[in-house]
């Protein structure tokens, strides 16, 4: 089923961003994010930034704390 995000509270525990190539900040970037794990009150996400030519220019990771409100 769907998760009611209004019933949840999240906070970032840590995050990182790595640049693999120089980027032109005037160009569009595509950001693809995936949640690879969410259990026991924690979540882990990773992401990838691609330039207009499809080249991977940066990667990201984030761990978060997940709690029910109330």
Protein backbone atom coordinates (compact mmCIF):
# COMPACT_ATOMS: atom_id res chain seq x y z
CA UNK A 1 0.00 0.00 0.00
CA UNK A 2 0.88 3.66 -0.13
CA UNK A 3 2.69 5.38 2.71
CA UNK A 4 1.09 8.53 4.13
CA UNK A 5 4.06 10.92 4.14
CA UNK A 6 2.15 13.39 6.34
CA UNK A 7 2.22 10.76 9.11
CA UNK A 8 6.01 10.53 8.92
CA UNK A 9 8.89 12.69 10.01
CA UNK A 10 12.34 12.46 8.42
CA UNK A 11 15.74 13.97 9.14
CA UNK A 12 19.04 13.71 7.30
CA UNK A 13 21.73 11.94 9.31
CA UNK A 14 24.50 12.36 6.76
CA UNK A 15 24.98 13.02 3.10
CA UNK A 16 27.78 13.29 0.57
CA UNK A 17 28.25 14.60 -2.96
CA UNK A 18 31.13 13.62 -5.24
CA UNK A 19 31.97 15.42 -8.49
CA UNK A 20 33.53 13.19 -11.15
CA UNK A 21 33.92 15.81 -13.91
CA UNK A 22 33.73 19.55 -14.32
CA UNK A 23 30.18 20.71 -14.98
CA UNK A 24 28.70 23.74 -16.70
CA UNK A 25 26.26 25.15 -14.15
CA UNK A 26 24.31 26.78 -16.99
CA UNK A 27 23.45 23.36 -18.46
CA UNK A 28 20.56 21.17 -17.38
CA UNK A 29 21.41 18.11 -15.31
CA UNK A 30 19.33 14.98 -14.85
CA UNK A 31 19.22 13.66 -11.27
CA UNK A 32 18.17 10.06 -10.75
CA UNK A 33 17.60 8.99 -7.14
CA UNK A 34 16.84 5.58 -5.74
CA UNK A 35 16.07 4.44 -2.23
CA UNK A 36 18.07 1.27 -1.81
CA UNK A 37 17.02 0.55 1.77
CA UNK A 38 14.32 1.73 4.19
CA UNK A 39 13.77 -0.26 7.39
CA UNK A 40 14.20 -0.10 11.15
CA UNK A 41 13.77 3.67 11.21
CA UNK A 42 16.52 4.37 8.68
CA UNK A 43 16.61 5.05 4.97
CA UNK A 44 19.47 5.05 2.46
CA UNK A 45 19.38 6.87 -0.88
CA UNK A 46 21.86 7.17 -3.68
CA UNK A 47 21.75 9.40 -6.70
CA UNK A 48 23.48 10.19 -9.97
CA UNK A 49 23.76 13.46 -11.90
CA UNK A 50 24.10 13.31 -15.69
CA UNK A 51 24.99 16.09 -18.11
CA UNK A 52 23.08 16.70 -21.39
CA UNK A 53 25.38 14.20 -23.17
CA UNK A 54 24.47 11.46 -20.66
CA UNK A 55 27.86 11.51 -18.90
CA UNK A 56 27.83 10.81 -15.15
CA UNK A 57 29.20 14.01 -13.61
CA UNK A 58 28.38 13.57 -9.89
CA UNK A 59 27.10 11.01 -7.38
CA UNK A 60 25.29 11.45 -4.07
CA UNK A 61 24.40 9.40 -1.00
CA UNK A 62 22.19 10.15 1.99
CA UNK A 63 21.17 8.33 5.15
CA UNK A 64 18.02 9.49 6.92
CA UNK A 65 16.12 8.87 10.12
CA UNK A 66 12.44 7.94 9.66
CA UNK A 67 9.88 8.24 12.47
CA UNK A 68 6.08 8.22 12.76
CA UNK A 69 4.54 11.50 13.91
CA UNK A 70 2.65 11.47 17.12
